[in-house]
């Protein structure tokens, strides 16, 4: 018999639909089993962190309204799948950087449950950001039918600790965007201030 006070050892089962690339996996998109592995790693990393204060104070970040609105429009345009993109700035949010542009990108996973920035497009965009002497200020994606909070998979795949992770939830009639810092499994909300 399972002890109800013991937390589960792994993340909930990742979801999939039959016709998405992850259902079988391919040269670019990992299989559902690989996504589950990432979710389990994120779940374990997050469970190991008891308290995670924001990485910087004040725990807020300003974003121009046009960039905020462009992200929401891109998220809506991506339906029924998740949408993704990057936000560039001269410096990170932690260093007070103000975003200069939203870069919408293709979701190679073509799924309502996950996103994968197209690797070739990501390389081109990252080189463009570097050439402009900018940094990745934010990594954006949408949640089609869930809250704007990082999933276990999001935590497991977070590879840019200096960037904010912005999530746009389309689960309600009015989209909601929230921002997060994800560092070594520690997840902290950063209050987003559209201006």
C-alpha atoms as a PDB file:
ATOM      1  CA  UNK A   1       0.000   0.000   0.000  1.00  0.00           C
ATOM      2  CA  UNK A   2       1.276   3.460  -0.912  1.00  0.00           C
ATOM      3  CA  UNK A   3       1.818   6.019   1.825  1.00  0.00           C
ATOM      4  CA  UNK A   4      -0.344   9.060   0.900  1.00  0.00           C
ATOM      5  CA  UNK A   5       2.178  11.427   2.524  1.00  0.00           C
ATOM      6  CA  UNK A   6       5.004  10.254   0.258  1.00  0.00           C
ATOM      7  CA  UNK A   7       5.254  12.359  -2.893  1.00  0.00           C
ATOM      8  CA  UNK A   8       5.225  10.495  -6.196  1.00  0.00           C
ATOM      9  CA  UNK A   9       8.621   9.481  -7.573  1.00  0.00           C
ATOM     10  CA  UNK A  10       7.970  10.685 -11.099  1.00  0.00           C
ATOM     11  CA  UNK A  11       6.108  13.304 -13.047  1.00  0.00           C
ATOM     12  CA  UNK A  12       2.613  12.701 -14.353  1.00  0.00           C
ATOM     13  CA  UNK A  13       2.506  10.898 -17.691  1.00  0.00           C
ATOM     14  CA  UNK A  14       3.161  13.266 -20.583  1.00  0.00           C
ATOM     15  CA  UNK A  15       0.319  13.572 -23.046  1.00  0.00           C
ATOM     16  CA  UNK A  16       0.419  13.056 -26.779  1.00  0.00           C
ATOM     17  CA  UNK A  17      -1.797  12.929 -29.816  1.00  0.00           C
ATOM     18  CA  UNK A  18      -1.453  10.364 -32.596  1.00  0.00           C
ATOM     19  CA  UNK A  19      -0.389  12.700 -35.386  1.00  0.00           C
ATOM     20  CA  UNK A  20       2.246  14.768 -33.594  1.00  0.00           C
ATOM     21  CA  UNK A  21       5.941  14.111 -34.349  1.00  0.00           C
ATOM     22  CA  UNK A  22       6.664  13.041 -30.744  1.00  0.00           C
ATOM     23  CA  UNK A  23       4.223  10.125 -31.063  1.00  0.00           C
ATOM     24  CA  UNK A  24       6.986   8.218 -32.857  1.00  0.00           C
ATOM     25  CA  UNK A  25       9.936  10.601 -32.677  1.00  0.00           C
ATOM     26  CA  UNK A  26      12.071  11.609 -35.637  1.00  0.00           C
ATOM     27  CA  UNK A  27      15.457  13.122 -36.440  1.00  0.00           C
ATOM     28  CA  UNK A  28      14.465  16.454 -34.854  1.00  0.00           C
ATOM     29  CA  UNK A  29      11.657  15.791 -32.372  1.00  0.00           C
ATOM     30  CA  UNK A  30      12.293  13.364 -29.493  1.00  0.00           C
ATOM     31  CA  UNK A  31       9.786  10.589 -28.823  1.00  0.00           C
ATOM     32  CA  UNK A  32       7.155  10.759 -26.082  1.00  0.00           C
ATOM     33  CA  UNK A  33       9.388   8.508 -23.961  1.00  0.00           C
ATOM     34  CA  UNK A  34      12.185  11.074 -24.175  1.00  0.00           C
ATOM     35  CA  UNK A  35       9.768  13.851 -23.182  1.00  0.00           C
ATOM     36  CA  UNK A  36       8.674  11.723 -20.217  1.00  0.00           C
ATOM     37  CA  UNK A  37      12.312  11.305 -19.199  1.00  0.00           C
ATOM     38  CA  UNK A  38      12.774  15.105 -19.279  1.00  0.00           C
ATOM     39  CA  UNK A  39       9.582  15.557 -17.239  1.00  0.00           C
ATOM     40  CA  UNK A  40      10.771  13.027 -14.656  1.00  0.00           C
ATOM     41  CA  UNK A  41      14.135  14.799 -14.366  1.00  0.00           C
ATOM     42  CA  UNK A  42      12.421  18.174 -13.954  1.00  0.00           C
ATOM     43  CA  UNK A  43      10.052  16.723 -11.368  1.00  0.00           C
ATOM     44  CA  UNK A  44      12.932  15.258  -9.362  1.00  0.00           C
ATOM     45  CA  UNK A  45      15.042  18.423  -9.594  1.00  0.00           C
ATOM     46  CA  UNK A  46      12.144  20.618  -8.561  1.00  0.00           C
ATOM     47  CA  UNK A  47      11.166  18.263  -5.720  1.00  0.00           C
ATOM     48  CA  UNK A  48      14.714  18.434  -4.335  1.00  0.00           C
ATOM     49  CA  UNK A  49      14.501  22.231  -3.954  1.00  0.00           C
ATOM     50  CA  UNK A  50      12.665  23.183  -0.776  1.00  0.00           C
ATOM     51  CA  UNK A  51      12.762  26.975  -1.111  1.00  0.00           C
ATOM     52  CA  UNK A  52      13.801  29.056  -4.064  1.00  0.00           C
ATOM     53  CA  UNK A  53      14.022  32.797  -3.543  1.00  0.00           C
ATOM     54  CA  UNK A  54      13.979  34.916  -6.681  1.00  0.00           C
ATOM     55  CA  UNK A  55      17.449  35.165  -8.207  1.00  0.00           C
ATOM     56  CA  UNK A  56      17.349  38.960  -8.160  1.00  0.00           C
ATOM     57  CA  UNK A  57      15.573  41.776  -6.357  1.00  0.00           C
ATOM     58  CA  UNK A  58      13.200  43.302  -6.965  1.00  0.00           C
ATOM     59  CA  UNK A  59      11.704  40.101  -8.320  1.00  0.00           C
ATOM     60  CA  UNK A  60      10.115  41.814 -11.292  1.00  0.00           C
ATOM     61  CA  UNK A  61      10.930  42.576 -14.892  1.00  0.00           C
ATOM     62  CA  UNK A  62       9.603  45.207 -17.254  1.00  0.00           C
ATOM     63  CA  UNK A  63       8.578  44.359 -20.799  1.00  0.00           C
ATOM     64  CA  UNK A  64       7.318  46.751 -23.489  1.00  0.00           C
ATOM     65  CA  UNK A  65       3.594  46.349 -24.135  1.00  0.00           C
ATOM     66  CA  UNK A  66       4.120  45.771 -27.870  1.00  0.00           C
ATOM     67  CA  UNK A  67       6.431  42.802 -27.172  1.00  0.00           C
ATOM     68  CA  UNK A  68       4.008  41.411 -24.570  1.00  0.00           C
ATOM     69  CA  UNK A  69       1.111  41.744 -27.017  1.00  0.00           C
ATOM     70  CA  UNK A  70       3.114  40.259 -29.910  1.00  0.00           C
ATOM     71  CA  UNK A  71       3.807  37.169 -27.805  1.00  0.00           C
ATOM     72  CA  UNK A  72       0.096  36.766 -26.999  1.00  0.00           C
ATOM     73  CA  UNK A  73      -0.837  37.193 -30.677  1.00  0.00           C
ATOM     74  CA  UNK A  74       1.765  34.559 -31.676  1.00  0.00           C
ATOM     75  CA  UNK A  75       0.438  32.176 -29.008  1.00  0.00           C
ATOM     76  CA  UNK A  76      -3.095  32.564 -30.375  1.00  0.00           C
ATOM     77  CA  UNK A  77      -1.886  32.108 -33.958  1.00  0.00           C
ATOM     78  CA  UNK A  78      -0.219  28.834 -32.984  1.00  0.00           C
ATOM     79  CA  UNK A  79      -3.452  27.174 -31.895  1.00  0.00           C
ATOM     80  CA  UNK A  80      -4.230  24.314 -31.626  1.00  0.00           C
ATOM     81  CA  UNK A  81      -0.514  23.756 -30.855  1.00  0.00           C
ATOM     82  CA  UNK A  82       1.808  25.448 -28.412  1.00  0.00           C
ATOM     83  CA  UNK A  83       3.709  28.408 -29.836  1.00  0.00           C
ATOM     84  CA  UNK A  84       7.250  29.458 -28.983  1.00  0.00           C
ATOM     85  CA  UNK A  85       9.798  32.208 -29.466  1.00  0.00           C
ATOM     86  CA  UNK A  86      12.572  34.264 -27.917  1.00  0.00           C
ATOM     87  CA  UNK A  87      12.880  37.789 -26.560  1.00  0.00           C
ATOM     88  CA  UNK A  88      16.144  39.659 -27.095  1.00  0.00           C
ATOM     89  CA  UNK A  89      17.586  42.507 -25.012  1.00  0.00           C
ATOM     90  CA  UNK A  90      20.921  44.270 -24.479  1.00  0.00           C
ATOM     91  CA  UNK A  91      21.267  42.590 -21.049  1.00  0.00           C
ATOM     92  CA  UNK A  92      19.434  40.021 -18.939  1.00  0.00           C
ATOM     93  CA  UNK A  93      16.400  40.831 -16.802  1.00  0.00           C
ATOM     94  CA  UNK A  94      18.570  40.278 -13.722  1.00  0.00           C
ATOM     95  CA  UNK A  95      20.839  43.092 -14.930  1.00  0.00           C
ATOM     96  CA  UNK A  96      17.850  45.355 -15.621  1.00  0.00           C
ATOM     97  CA  UNK A  97      17.731  44.682 -19.366  1.00  0.00           C
ATOM     98  CA  UNK A  98      14.737  46.004 -21.277  1.00  0.00           C
ATOM     99  CA  UNK A  99      13.540  43.720 -24.107  1.00  0.00           C
ATOM    100  CA  UNK A 100      13.982  45.122 -27.592  1.00  0.00           C
ATOM    101  CA  UNK A 101      12.265  42.516 -29.763  1.00  0.00           C
ATOM    102  CA  UNK A 102      10.129  39.379 -29.801  1.00  0.00           C
ATOM    103  CA  UNK A 103      11.285  36.687 -32.211  1.00  0.00           C
ATOM    104  CA  UNK A 104       8.451  34.263 -33.056  1.00  0.00           C
ATOM    105  CA  UNK A 105       9.712  30.800 -33.941  1.00  0.00           C
ATOM    106  CA  UNK A 106       8.352  27.529 -35.313  1.00  0.00           C
ATOM    107  CA  UNK A 107       7.319  24.807 -32.866  1.00  0.00           C
ATOM    108  CA  UNK A 108       8.985  21.758 -34.452  1.00  0.00           C
ATOM    109  CA  UNK A 109       7.107  19.491 -32.019  1.00  0.00           C
ATOM    110  CA  UNK A 110       3.777  20.566 -33.609  1.00  0.00           C
ATOM    111  CA  UNK A 111       1.924  19.607 -30.440  1.00  0.00           C
ATOM    112  CA  UNK A 112      -0.662  21.056 -28.066  1.00  0.00           C
ATOM    113  CA  UNK A 113       1.350  19.570 -25.163  1.00  0.00           C
ATOM    114  CA  UNK A 114       4.972  20.581 -25.805  1.00  0.00           C
ATOM    115  CA  UNK A 115       7.226  22.879 -27.752  1.00  0.00           C
ATOM    116  CA  UNK A 116      10.590  22.504 -29.419  1.00  0.00           C
ATOM    117  CA  UNK A 117      12.127  25.527 -31.106  1.00  0.00           C
ATOM    118  CA  UNK A 118      13.168  24.423 -34.581  1.00  0.00           C
ATOM    119  CA  UNK A 119      16.939  23.780 -34.202  1.00  0.00           C
ATOM    120  CA  UNK A 120      17.978  25.340 -37.537  1.00  0.00           C
ATOM    121  CA  UNK A 121      15.855  28.410 -36.903  1.00  0.00           C
ATOM    122  CA  UNK A 122      17.205  28.623 -33.352  1.00  0.00           C
ATOM    123  CA  UNK A 123      20.791  28.634 -34.633  1.00  0.00           C
ATOM    124  CA  UNK A 124      20.029  31.456 -37.103  1.00  0.00           C
ATOM    125  CA  UNK A 125      18.229  33.515 -34.462  1.00  0.00           C
ATOM    126  CA  UNK A 126      20.905  32.957 -31.795  1.00  0.00           C
ATOM    127  CA  UNK A 127      23.595  34.091 -34.258  1.00  0.00           C
ATOM    128  CA  UNK A 128      21.483  37.163 -35.082  1.00  0.00           C
ATOM    129  CA  UNK A 129      21.095  37.954 -31.367  1.00  0.00           C
ATOM    130  CA  UNK A 130      24.834  37.556 -30.847  1.00  0.00           C
ATOM    131  CA  UNK A 131      25.647  39.700 -33.909  1.00  0.00           C
ATOM    132  CA  UNK A 132      23.404  42.449 -32.502  1.00  0.00           C
ATOM    133  CA  UNK A 133      25.345  42.261 -29.201  1.00  0.00           C
ATOM    134  CA  UNK A 134      22.175  41.166 -27.411  1.00  0.00           C
ATOM    135  CA  UNK A 135      21.281  38.304 -25.089  1.00  0.00           C
ATOM    136  CA  UNK A 136      18.337  35.941 -24.803  1.00  0.00           C
ATOM    137  CA  UNK A 137      16.229  37.843 -22.276  1.00  0.00           C
ATOM    138  CA  UNK A 138      13.279  35.454 -22.434  1.00  0.00           C
ATOM    139  CA  UNK A 139      12.215  32.084 -23.770  1.00  0.00           C
ATOM    140  CA  UNK A 140       8.510  32.082 -24.568  1.00  0.00           C
ATOM    141  CA  UNK A 141       5.939  29.379 -25.087  1.00  0.00           C
ATOM    142  CA  UNK A 142       2.219  28.919 -24.675  1.00  0.00           C
ATOM    143  CA  UNK A 143       0.117  26.468 -22.723  1.00  0.00           C
ATOM    144  CA  UNK A 144      -2.999  25.693 -24.719  1.00  0.00           C
ATOM    145  CA  UNK A 145      -5.187  24.411 -21.886  1.00  0.00           C
ATOM    146  CA  UNK A 146      -3.228  24.745 -18.637  1.00  0.00           C
ATOM    147  CA  UNK A 147      -2.031  27.443 -16.248  1.00  0.00           C
ATOM    148  CA  UNK A 148       0.947  29.667 -17.133  1.00  0.00           C
ATOM    149  CA  UNK A 149       3.237  27.756 -14.789  1.00  0.00           C
ATOM    150  CA  UNK A 150       6.296  25.667 -15.708  1.00  0.00           C
ATOM    151  CA  UNK A 151       5.504  21.984 -16.156  1.00  0.00           C
ATOM    152  CA  UNK A 152       7.901  19.272 -15.027  1.00  0.00           C
ATOM    153  CA  UNK A 153       9.016  19.020 -18.660  1.00  0.00           C
ATOM    154  CA  UNK A 154       9.666  22.771 -18.784  1.00  0.00           C
ATOM    155  CA  UNK A 155      11.843  22.482 -15.670  1.00  0.00           C
ATOM    156  CA  UNK A 156      13.638  19.384 -16.964  1.00  0.00           C
ATOM    157  CA  UNK A 157      14.519  21.057 -20.263  1.00  0.00           C
ATOM    158  CA  UNK A 158      15.391  24.532 -18.914  1.00  0.00           C
ATOM    159  CA  UNK A 159      18.923  25.157 -20.175  1.00  0.00           C
ATOM    160  CA  UNK A 160      19.243  28.952 -20.008  1.00  0.00           C
ATOM    161  CA  UNK A 161      19.450  29.966 -16.318  1.00  0.00           C
ATOM    162  CA  UNK A 162      19.988  33.657 -17.122  1.00  0.00           C
ATOM    163  CA  UNK A 163      16.868  33.909 -19.299  1.00  0.00           C
ATOM    164  CA  UNK A 164      13.317  34.278 -18.051  1.00  0.00           C
ATOM    165  CA  UNK A 165      10.767  31.691 -19.117  1.00  0.00           C
ATOM    166  CA  UNK A 166       7.530  33.380 -20.194  1.00  0.00           C
ATOM    167  CA  UNK A 167       4.409  31.257 -20.463  1.00  0.00           C
ATOM    168  CA  UNK A 168       1.158  32.430 -22.047  1.00  0.00           C
ATOM    169  CA  UNK A 169      -1.885  30.461 -20.954  1.00  0.00           C
ATOM    170  CA  UNK A 170      -4.735  30.274 -23.443  1.00  0.00           C
ATOM    171  CA  UNK A 171      -6.896  28.242 -21.051  1.00  0.00           C
ATOM    172  CA  UNK A 172      -9.147  31.221 -20.301  1.00  0.00           C
ATOM    173  CA  UNK A 173     -10.871  33.659 -22.661  1.00  0.00           C
ATOM    174  CA  UNK A 174      -8.305  36.340 -21.782  1.00  0.00           C
ATOM    175  CA  UNK A 175      -4.693  35.069 -22.146  1.00  0.00           C
ATOM    176  CA  UNK A 176      -2.449  35.304 -19.082  1.00  0.00           C
ATOM    177  CA  UNK A 177       1.336  35.697 -19.309  1.00  0.00           C
ATOM    178  CA  UNK A 178       3.616  34.965 -16.349  1.00  0.00           C
ATOM    179  CA  UNK A 179       7.424  34.891 -16.114  1.00  0.00           C
ATOM    180  CA  UNK A 180       9.690  32.479 -14.275  1.00  0.00           C
ATOM    181  CA  UNK A 181      13.328  31.980 -13.394  1.00  0.00           C
ATOM    182  CA  UNK A 182      14.360  28.313 -13.646  1.00  0.00           C
ATOM    183  CA  UNK A 183      17.817  27.531 -12.242  1.00  0.00           C
ATOM    184  CA  UNK A 184      18.955  24.030 -11.291  1.00  0.00           C
ATOM    185  CA  UNK A 185      15.379  22.962 -10.597  1.00  0.00           C
ATOM    186  CA  UNK A 186      14.582  26.063  -8.538  1.00  0.00           C
ATOM    187  CA  UNK A 187      11.524  27.811  -9.955  1.00  0.00           C
ATOM    188  CA  UNK A 188      10.742  31.395  -8.897  1.00  0.00           C
ATOM    189  CA  UNK A 189       8.081  33.658 -10.285  1.00  0.00           C
ATOM    190  CA  UNK A 190       9.287  37.004 -11.597  1.00  0.00           C
ATOM    191  CA  UNK A 191       6.486  39.567 -11.706  1.00  0.00           C
ATOM    192  CA  UNK A 192       6.108  40.740 -15.277  1.00  0.00           C
ATOM    193  CA  UNK A 193       5.382  44.443 -15.691  1.00  0.00           C
ATOM    194  CA  UNK A 194       4.065  45.279 -19.186  1.00  0.00           C
ATOM    195  CA  UNK A 195       4.603  48.972 -19.909  1.00  0.00           C
END
